[in-house]
Amino acid sequence: NWESLTAIRQWMAYIEESHKSDTSVALMIIGNKTDLREREMSKNCVPSRQGAALAKEYGATFFEVSAFSGHNIEESLYQLTTYLISHQDDDLAKSVGNGTMILGSKAAPSKKGCSC
């Protein structure tokens, strides 16, 4: 709906402010409830071209989905997952380079016995 579309600008400002130096933030704008447009049940639906234009403005991927019918749900999640996997090595290299602890890495074996 139009209210959500307007709120995206505020969310994007927050993301840009809090992740200034991180160029690998995954941005995806998803328009939900396309089934309402298809069934002509809502005059509050945002046209596809508006959502796509906003996504392009922010360099985000754009998908229209319907949680009700399942339309484009898998496709949008696949796209996001593919992006995250392709950037995983970049993030790992940055973490190692700046000394950040990597969660899920193999830790040194702990000594057995009481730690009292």
C-alpha atoms as a PDB file:
ATOM      1  CA  ASN A   1       0.000   0.000   0.000  1.00  0.00           C
ATOM      2  CA  TRP A   2       1.030   3.619  -0.348  1.00  0.00           C
ATOM      3  CA  GLU A   3       1.829   4.028   3.342  1.00  0.00           C
ATOM      4  CA  SER A   4       4.374   1.203   3.209  1.00  0.00           C
ATOM      5  CA  LEU A   5       5.906   2.572   0.037  1.00  0.00           C
ATOM      6  CA  THR A   6       6.400   5.941   1.703  1.00  0.00           C
ATOM      7  CA  ALA A   7       7.939   4.302   4.793  1.00  0.00           C
ATOM      8  CA  ILE A   8      10.592   2.623   2.617  1.00  0.00           C
ATOM      9  CA  ARG A   9      12.367   5.953   2.212  1.00  0.00           C
ATOM     10  CA  GLN A  10      12.697   6.259   5.991  1.00  0.00           C
ATOM     11  CA  TRP A  11      13.946   2.681   6.294  1.00  0.00           C
ATOM     12  CA  MET A  12      16.461   3.231   3.518  1.00  0.00           C
ATOM     13  CA  ALA A  13      17.755   6.395   5.202  1.00  0.00           C
ATOM     14  CA  TYR A  14      18.309   4.384   8.383  1.00  0.00           C
ATOM     15  CA  ILE A  15      20.083   1.590   6.478  1.00  0.00           C
ATOM     16  CA  GLU A  16      22.300   4.061   4.630  1.00  0.00           C
ATOM     17  CA  GLU A  17      23.204   5.830   7.883  1.00  0.00           C
ATOM     18  CA  SER A  18      23.962   2.692   9.875  1.00  0.00           C
ATOM     19  CA  HIS A  19      25.849   0.861   7.096  1.00  0.00           C
ATOM     20  CA  LYS A  20      27.763   3.700   5.430  1.00  0.00           C
ATOM     21  CA  SER A  21      30.923   1.741   4.723  1.00  0.00           C
ATOM     22  CA  ASP A  22      29.283  -1.614   4.017  1.00  0.00           C
ATOM     23  CA  THR A  23      28.676  -1.961   0.305  1.00  0.00           C
ATOM     24  CA  SER A  24      27.493  -5.564   0.535  1.00  0.00           C
ATOM     25  CA  VAL A  25      24.185  -4.919   2.317  1.00  0.00           C
ATOM     26  CA  ALA A  26      21.492  -6.945   0.586  1.00  0.00           C
ATOM     27  CA  LEU A  27      18.651  -4.652  -0.451  1.00  0.00           C
ATOM     28  CA  MET A  28      15.390  -6.111  -1.639  1.00  0.00           C
ATOM     29  CA  ILE A  29      12.049  -4.376  -1.853  1.00  0.00           C
ATOM     30  CA  ILE A  30       9.128  -6.763  -1.860  1.00  0.00           C
ATOM     31  CA  GLY A  31       5.607  -5.728  -2.746  1.00  0.00           C
ATOM     32  CA  ASN A  32       3.209  -8.163  -1.103  1.00  0.00           C
ATOM     33  CA  LYS A  33      -0.457  -8.969  -1.664  1.00  0.00           C
ATOM     34  CA  THR A  34      -0.395  -9.030  -5.454  1.00  0.00           C
ATOM     35  CA  ASP A  35      -3.369 -11.362  -5.188  1.00  0.00           C
ATOM     36  CA  LEU A  36      -5.469  -8.365  -4.123  1.00  0.00           C
ATOM     37  CA  ARG A  37      -4.592  -6.527  -7.310  1.00  0.00           C
ATOM     38  CA  GLU A  38      -5.307  -9.631  -9.370  1.00  0.00           C
ATOM     39  CA  ARG A  39      -8.696  -9.995  -7.701  1.00  0.00           C
ATOM     40  CA  GLU A  40      -9.292  -6.234  -7.919  1.00  0.00           C
ATOM     41  CA  MET A  41     -10.075  -6.092  -4.224  1.00  0.00           C
ATOM     42  CA  SER A  42      -7.906  -3.147  -3.277  1.00  0.00           C
ATOM     43  CA  LYS A  43      -7.701   0.336  -4.689  1.00  0.00           C
ATOM     44  CA  ASN A  44      -4.776   0.951  -2.345  1.00  0.00           C
ATOM     45  CA  CYS A  45      -2.391  -1.259  -4.366  1.00  0.00           C
ATOM     46  CA  VAL A  46       0.817   0.362  -5.530  1.00  0.00           C
ATOM     47  CA  PRO A  47       1.452  -0.074  -9.275  1.00  0.00           C
ATOM     48  CA  SER A  48       4.402  -2.339 -10.155  1.00  0.00           C
ATOM     49  CA  ARG A  49       6.203   0.469 -11.951  1.00  0.00           C
ATOM     50  CA  GLN A  50       6.240   2.562  -8.732  1.00  0.00           C
ATOM     51  CA  GLY A  51       7.816  -0.225  -6.684  1.00  0.00           C
ATOM     52  CA  ALA A  52      10.332  -1.029  -9.415  1.00  0.00           C
ATOM     53  CA  ALA A  53      11.302   2.641  -9.749  1.00  0.00           C
ATOM     54  CA  LEU A  54      11.873   2.965  -6.014  1.00  0.00           C
ATOM     55  CA  ALA A  55      13.975  -0.197  -5.941  1.00  0.00           C
ATOM     56  CA  LYS A  56      16.059   1.078  -8.858  1.00  0.00           C
ATOM     57  CA  GLU A  57      16.585   4.396  -7.064  1.00  0.00           C
ATOM     58  CA  TYR A  58      18.182   2.548  -4.135  1.00  0.00           C
ATOM     59  CA  GLY A  59      19.951  -0.147  -6.144  1.00  0.00           C
ATOM     60  CA  ALA A  60      17.672  -2.782  -4.633  1.00  0.00           C
ATOM     61  CA  THR A  61      16.164  -5.884  -6.147  1.00  0.00           C
ATOM     62  CA  PHE A  62      12.410  -5.705  -6.597  1.00  0.00           C
ATOM     63  CA  PHE A  63       9.890  -8.518  -6.345  1.00  0.00           C
ATOM     64  CA  GLU A  64       6.146  -8.611  -6.160  1.00  0.00           C
ATOM     65  CA  VAL A  65       4.791 -11.531  -4.185  1.00  0.00           C
ATOM     66  CA  SER A  66       1.645 -12.950  -2.711  1.00  0.00           C
ATOM     67  CA  ALA A  67       1.918 -14.716   0.601  1.00  0.00           C
ATOM     68  CA  PHE A  68      -1.693 -15.788   0.060  1.00  0.00           C
ATOM     69  CA  SER A  69      -1.136 -17.570  -3.262  1.00  0.00           C
ATOM     70  CA  GLY A  70       2.613 -18.200  -2.899  1.00  0.00           C
ATOM     71  CA  HIS A  71       3.359 -16.249  -6.094  1.00  0.00           C
ATOM     72  CA  ASN A  72       7.079 -15.363  -6.339  1.00  0.00           C
ATOM     73  CA  ILE A  73       7.849 -16.319  -2.728  1.00  0.00           C
ATOM     74  CA  GLU A  74      10.419 -18.984  -3.611  1.00  0.00           C
ATOM     75  CA  GLU A  75      11.897 -16.884  -6.411  1.00  0.00           C
ATOM     76  CA  SER A  76      12.474 -13.871  -4.171  1.00  0.00           C
ATOM     77  CA  LEU A  77      14.025 -15.980  -1.404  1.00  0.00           C
ATOM     78  CA  TYR A  78      16.212 -17.790  -3.942  1.00  0.00           C
ATOM     79  CA  GLN A  79      17.443 -14.451  -5.287  1.00  0.00           C
ATOM     80  CA  LEU A  80      18.248 -13.190  -1.783  1.00  0.00           C
ATOM     81  CA  THR A  81      19.964 -16.431  -0.800  1.00  0.00           C
ATOM     82  CA  THR A  82      22.041 -16.432  -3.985  1.00  0.00           C
ATOM     83  CA  TYR A  83      23.184 -12.884  -3.251  1.00  0.00           C
ATOM     84  CA  LEU A  84      24.081 -13.701   0.348  1.00  0.00           C
ATOM     85  CA  ILE A  85      26.037 -16.813  -0.634  1.00  0.00           C
ATOM     86  CA  SER A  86      27.927 -14.986  -3.382  1.00  0.00           C
ATOM     87  CA  HIS A  87      28.992 -12.282  -0.910  1.00  0.00           C
ATOM     88  CA  GLN A  88      29.780 -14.646   1.963  1.00  0.00           C
ATOM     89  CA  ASP A  89      33.455 -14.997   1.013  1.00  0.00           C
ATOM     90  CA  ASP A  90      33.826 -11.206   0.759  1.00  0.00           C
ATOM     91  CA  ASP A  91      32.398 -10.750   4.248  1.00  0.00           C
ATOM     92  CA  LEU A  92      34.629 -13.506   5.613  1.00  0.00           C
ATOM     93  CA  ALA A  93      37.715 -11.891   4.117  1.00  0.00           C
ATOM     94  CA  LYS A  94      36.772  -8.512   5.626  1.00  0.00           C
ATOM     95  CA  SER A  95      36.204 -10.088   9.044  1.00  0.00           C
ATOM     96  CA  VAL A  96      39.554 -11.872   9.036  1.00  0.00           C
ATOM     97  CA  GLY A  97      41.316  -8.763   7.762  1.00  0.00           C
ATOM     98  CA  ASN A  98      40.042  -6.505  10.528  1.00  0.00           C
ATOM     99  CA  GLY A  99      40.467  -9.011  13.357  1.00  0.00           C
ATOM    100  CA  THR A 100      36.762  -9.555  13.964  1.00  0.00           C
ATOM    101  CA  MET A 101      35.815 -12.833  15.619  1.00  0.00           C
ATOM    102  CA  ILE A 102      34.062 -15.115  13.159  1.00  0.00           C
ATOM    103  CA  LEU A 103      31.068 -16.901  14.580  1.00  0.00           C
ATOM    104  CA  GLY A 104      30.910 -20.546  13.704  1.00  0.00           C
ATOM    105  CA  SER A 105      34.651 -20.895  13.228  1.00  0.00           C
ATOM    106  CA  LYS A 106      36.480 -23.810  14.745  1.00  0.00           C
ATOM    107  CA  ALA A 107      37.661 -22.873  18.185  1.00  0.00           C
ATOM    108  CA  ALA A 108      40.650 -24.370  19.937  1.00  0.00           C
ATOM    109  CA  PRO A 109      39.693 -27.542  21.796  1.00  0.00           C
ATOM    110  CA  SER A 110      38.910 -26.885  25.432  1.00  0.00           C
ATOM    111  CA  LYS A 111      40.661 -28.691  28.237  1.00  0.00           C
ATOM    112  CA  LYS A 112      38.627 -31.355  29.907  1.00  0.00           C
ATOM    113  CA  GLY A 113      37.970 -31.155  33.585  1.00  0.00           C
ATOM    114  CA  CYS A 114      36.579 -28.763  36.099  1.00  0.00           C
ATOM    115  CA  SER A 115      36.854 -25.085  35.375  1.00  0.00           C
ATOM    116  CA  CYS A 116      36.193 -24.081  39.014  1.00  0.00           C
END
